[in-house]
Amino acid sequence: MSFHDATLEFEYERESRARLVAESVGLEVGEIDDDRSETTVEHEGTRVRIGVRAADVVALRAALNTWFTLVDVAERTASVGEGAVETC
């Protein structure tokens, strides 16, 4: 069986933001994966890398959409939290 792979990389200004995003989305690894796709999340310095492997292009597209959304939510939540801390 052939697989389709994609890697998403996100770069942040601070390592603490990269770690927060990686830890947030990393909670979903294994929960979202199914028999058609699997994902890994890695954090190194200011970079977050998400690897997706899927059995077909439809599953790859669906997985990528999911992970882009999860990263977006994690980034927005971190920004709101950061703003709240700054006003205290």
N, C-alpha and C. Protein backbone atom coordinates (compact mmCIF):
# COMPACT_ATOMS: atom_id res chain seq x y z
N MET A 1 0.83 -1.17 0.00
CA MET A 1 0.00 0.00 0.00
C MET A 1 0.89 1.25 0.00
N SER A 2 0.57 2.22 -0.83
CA SER A 2 1.33 3.47 -0.85
C SER A 2 0.67 4.48 0.08
N PHE A 3 1.49 5.34 0.64
CA PHE A 3 1.00 6.36 1.55
C PHE A 3 1.28 7.74 0.99
N HIS A 4 0.57 8.71 1.49
CA HIS A 4 0.76 10.11 1.13
C HIS A 4 1.18 10.83 2.40
N ASP A 5 2.22 11.67 2.29
CA ASP A 5 2.78 12.34 3.46
C ASP A 5 2.79 13.85 3.26
N ALA A 6 2.68 14.56 4.36
CA ALA A 6 2.83 16.02 4.35
C ALA A 6 3.42 16.44 5.69
N THR A 7 4.20 17.49 5.64
CA THR A 7 4.78 18.05 6.86
C THR A 7 4.42 19.52 6.95
N LEU A 8 3.87 19.91 8.08
CA LEU A 8 3.56 21.31 8.35
C LEU A 8 4.60 21.84 9.31
N GLU A 9 5.14 23.02 9.03
CA GLU A 9 6.10 23.62 9.94
C GLU A 9 5.64 25.02 10.30
N PHE A 10 5.69 25.31 11.58
CA PHE A 10 5.29 26.62 12.09
C PHE A 10 6.45 27.18 12.90
N GLU A 11 6.82 28.41 12.62
CA GLU A 11 7.93 29.07 13.30
C GLU A 11 7.36 30.20 14.17
N TYR A 12 7.86 30.30 15.40
CA TYR A 12 7.39 31.30 16.35
C TYR A 12 8.55 32.18 16.81
N GLU A 13 8.22 33.36 17.29
CA GLU A 13 9.25 34.28 17.77
C GLU A 13 9.91 33.77 19.05
N ARG A 14 9.12 33.11 19.90
CA ARG A 14 9.64 32.64 21.18
C ARG A 14 9.46 31.13 21.31
N GLU A 15 10.43 30.50 21.94
CA GLU A 15 10.35 29.06 22.17
C GLU A 15 9.16 28.71 23.06
N SER A 16 8.84 29.58 24.01
CA SER A 16 7.71 29.30 24.91
C SER A 16 6.40 29.22 24.14
N ARG A 17 6.24 30.04 23.10
CA ARG A 17 5.01 29.99 22.28
C ARG A 17 4.99 28.70 21.47
N ALA A 18 6.11 28.31 20.90
CA ALA A 18 6.19 27.07 20.12
C ALA A 18 5.86 25.88 21.02
N ARG A 19 6.41 25.88 22.23
CA ARG A 19 6.16 24.77 23.16
C ARG A 19 4.68 24.71 23.53
N LEU A 20 4.07 25.88 23.79
CA LEU A 20 2.65 25.92 24.15
C LEU A 20 1.77 25.38 23.02
N VAL A 21 2.04 25.79 21.80
CA VAL A 21 1.27 25.31 20.65
C VAL A 21 1.47 23.81 20.47
N ALA A 22 2.72 23.35 20.53
CA ALA A 22 3.01 21.92 20.36
C ALA A 22 2.32 21.08 21.42
N GLU A 23 2.38 21.53 22.67
CA GLU A 23 1.73 20.78 23.75
C GLU A 23 0.21 20.78 23.60
N SER A 24 -0.34 21.90 23.16
CA SER A 24 -1.79 22.00 22.98
C SER A 24 -2.30 21.06 21.90
N VAL A 25 -1.69 21.12 20.72
CA VAL A 25 -2.17 20.27 19.62
C VAL A 25 -1.72 18.83 19.81
N GLY A 26 -0.60 18.63 20.50
CA GLY A 26 -0.09 17.28 20.74
C GLY A 26 -1.05 16.41 21.53
N LEU A 27 -1.91 17.05 22.32
CA LEU A 27 -2.91 16.30 23.08
C LEU A 27 -3.86 15.53 22.18
N GLU A 28 -3.98 15.98 20.94
CA GLU A 28 -4.94 15.36 20.01
C GLU A 28 -4.35 14.19 19.23
N VAL A 29 -3.03 14.03 19.27
CA VAL A 29 -2.41 12.90 18.56
C VAL A 29 -2.93 11.61 19.17
N GLY A 30 -3.37 10.72 18.32
CA GLY A 30 -3.93 9.46 18.80
C GLY A 30 -5.43 9.52 19.01
N GLU A 31 -5.94 10.72 19.33
CA GLU A 31 -7.38 10.89 19.51
C GLU A 31 -8.06 11.08 18.16
N ILE A 32 -7.39 11.77 17.26
CA ILE A 32 -7.96 12.07 15.95
C ILE A 32 -7.56 11.03 14.92
N ASP A 33 -6.38 10.47 15.07
CA ASP A 33 -5.90 9.49 14.10
C ASP A 33 -6.89 8.33 13.97
N ASP A 34 -6.94 7.79 12.77
CA ASP A 34 -7.80 6.63 12.53
C ASP A 34 -7.05 5.64 11.66
N ASP A 35 -7.75 4.71 11.08
CA ASP A 35 -7.07 3.69 10.28
C ASP A 35 -6.59 4.23 8.93
N ARG A 36 -6.96 5.48 8.58
CA ARG A 36 -6.53 6.06 7.30
C ARG A 36 -5.44 7.11 7.43
N SER A 37 -5.21 7.61 8.65
CA SER A 37 -4.16 8.62 8.81
C SER A 37 -3.56 8.58 10.21
N GLU A 38 -2.32 9.05 10.30
CA GLU A 38 -1.65 9.15 11.60
C GLU A 38 -0.79 10.41 11.59
N THR A 39 -0.56 10.95 12.78
CA THR A 39 0.12 12.24 12.89
C THR A 39 1.17 12.21 13.98
N THR A 40 2.24 12.98 13.78
CA THR A 40 3.23 13.20 14.82
C THR A 40 3.38 14.70 15.01
N VAL A 41 3.69 15.10 16.23
CA VAL A 41 3.94 16.51 16.54
C VAL A 41 5.30 16.59 17.23
N GLU A 42 6.16 17.46 16.71
CA GLU A 42 7.50 17.65 17.28
C GLU A 42 7.71 19.13 17.55
N HIS A 43 8.43 19.40 18.62
CA HIS A 43 8.77 20.77 18.98
C HIS A 43 10.28 20.86 19.14
N GLU A 44 10.89 21.78 18.43
CA GLU A 44 12.33 21.98 18.53
C GLU A 44 12.62 23.47 18.47
N GLY A 45 13.02 24.02 19.59
CA GLY A 45 13.30 25.45 19.65
C GLY A 45 12.06 26.26 19.38
N THR A 46 12.12 27.11 18.37
CA THR A 46 10.98 27.96 18.03
C THR A 46 10.12 27.37 16.91
N ARG A 47 10.36 26.11 16.59
CA ARG A 47 9.65 25.47 15.48
C ARG A 47 8.78 24.32 15.97
N VAL A 48 7.56 24.24 15.39
CA VAL A 48 6.66 23.11 15.60
C VAL A 48 6.50 22.41 14.26
N ARG A 49 6.68 21.11 14.25
CA ARG A 49 6.57 20.32 13.03
C ARG A 49 5.48 19.26 13.23
N ILE A 50 4.56 19.23 12.29
CA ILE A 50 3.47 18.25 12.33
C ILE A 50 3.58 17.39 11.09
N GLY A 51 3.76 16.09 11.29
CA GLY A 51 3.86 15.15 10.18
C GLY A 51 2.59 14.35 10.05
N VAL A 52 2.05 14.30 8.85
CA VAL A 52 0.81 13.57 8.59
C VAL A 52 1.07 12.51 7.54
N ARG A 53 0.64 11.31 7.80
CA ARG A 53 0.76 10.20 6.85
C ARG A 53 -0.64 9.62 6.66
N ALA A 54 -1.06 9.49 5.41
CA ALA A 54 -2.42 9.03 5.14
C ALA A 54 -2.44 7.98 4.04
N ALA A 55 -3.46 7.16 4.10
CA ALA A 55 -3.60 6.07 3.13
C ALA A 55 -4.05 6.57 1.76
N ASP A 56 -4.70 7.72 1.71
CA ASP A 56 -5.18 8.27 0.43
C ASP A 56 -5.23 9.79 0.52
N VAL A 57 -5.37 10.44 -0.62
CA VAL A 57 -5.33 11.90 -0.64
C VAL A 57 -6.52 12.54 0.05
N VAL A 58 -7.66 11.89 0.04
CA VAL A 58 -8.83 12.43 0.74
C VAL A 58 -8.58 12.46 2.24
N ALA A 59 -8.03 11.39 2.77
CA ALA A 59 -7.71 11.34 4.20
C ALA A 59 -6.61 12.34 4.54
N LEU A 60 -5.64 12.52 3.64
CA LEU A 60 -4.58 13.50 3.86
C LEU A 60 -5.15 14.91 3.93
N ARG A 61 -6.01 15.25 2.99
CA ARG A 61 -6.63 16.57 2.98
C ARG A 61 -7.43 16.81 4.25
N ALA A 62 -8.21 15.83 4.66
CA ALA A 62 -9.01 15.97 5.87
C ALA A 62 -8.13 16.15 7.10
N ALA A 63 -7.08 15.37 7.19
CA ALA A 63 -6.16 15.47 8.33
C ALA A 63 -5.47 16.83 8.35
N LEU A 64 -5.00 17.29 7.19
CA LEU A 64 -4.34 18.60 7.14
C LEU A 64 -5.28 19.72 7.55
N ASN A 65 -6.51 19.68 7.07
CA ASN A 65 -7.50 20.69 7.48
C ASN A 65 -7.69 20.69 8.99
N THR A 66 -7.77 19.50 9.58
CA THR A 66 -7.95 19.38 11.02
C THR A 66 -6.77 19.98 11.77
N TRP A 67 -5.55 19.63 11.36
CA TRP A 67 -4.37 20.10 12.08
C TRP A 67 -4.13 21.59 11.88
N PHE A 68 -4.43 22.13 10.69
CA PHE A 68 -4.35 23.58 10.51
C PHE A 68 -5.32 24.30 11.46
N THR A 69 -6.51 23.75 11.58
CA THR A 69 -7.51 24.35 12.47
C THR A 69 -7.06 24.27 13.92
N LEU A 70 -6.54 23.13 14.35
CA LEU A 70 -6.08 22.98 15.73
C LEU A 70 -4.94 23.95 16.05
N VAL A 71 -4.01 24.12 15.13
CA VAL A 71 -2.91 25.06 15.35
C VAL A 71 -3.46 26.49 15.41
N ASP A 72 -4.37 26.82 14.54
CA ASP A 72 -4.97 28.15 14.55
C ASP A 72 -5.64 28.45 15.88
N VAL A 73 -6.41 27.51 16.39
CA VAL A 73 -7.09 27.68 17.68
C VAL A 73 -6.06 27.83 18.81
N ALA A 74 -5.02 27.01 18.79
CA ALA A 74 -3.98 27.10 19.83
C ALA A 74 -3.28 28.45 19.78
N GLU A 75 -2.99 28.94 18.57
CA GLU A 75 -2.33 30.25 18.44
C GLU A 75 -3.23 31.38 18.93
N ARG A 76 -4.49 31.36 18.54
CA ARG A 76 -5.41 32.41 18.98
C ARG A 76 -5.63 32.38 20.48
N THR A 77 -5.75 31.19 21.04
CA THR A 77 -5.93 31.06 22.49
C THR A 77 -4.70 31.56 23.23
N ALA A 78 -3.53 31.24 22.74
CA ALA A 78 -2.29 31.70 23.37
C ALA A 78 -2.21 33.23 23.33
N SER A 79 -2.63 33.83 22.22
CA SER A 79 -2.61 35.28 22.09
C SER A 79 -3.58 35.95 23.07
N VAL A 80 -4.75 35.38 23.23
CA VAL A 80 -5.72 35.92 24.18
C VAL A 80 -5.18 35.80 25.60
N GLY A 81 -4.62 34.65 25.92
CA GLY A 81 -4.05 34.44 27.26
C GLY A 81 -2.90 35.37 27.53
N GLU A 82 -2.06 35.58 26.54
CA GLU A 82 -0.92 36.48 26.68
C GLU A 82 -1.39 37.90 26.92
N GLY A 83 -2.43 38.32 26.21
CA GLY A 83 -2.99 39.66 26.40
C GLY A 83 -3.57 39.84 27.79
N ALA A 84 -4.21 38.80 28.31
CA ALA A 84 -4.80 38.87 29.65
C ALA A 84 -3.72 38.99 30.72
N VAL A 85 -2.63 38.29 30.54
CA VAL A 85 -1.52 38.34 31.50
C VAL A 85 -0.88 39.73 31.50
N GLU A 86 -0.76 40.32 30.32
CA GLU A 86 -0.12 41.64 30.20
C GLU A 86 -0.94 42.74 30.87
N THR A 87 -2.28 42.58 30.94
CA THR A 87 -3.13 43.62 31.52
C THR A 87 -3.24 43.48 33.03
N CYS A 88 -2.73 42.40 33.60
CA CYS A 88 -2.82 42.20 35.06
C CYS A 88 -1.75 42.95 35.79
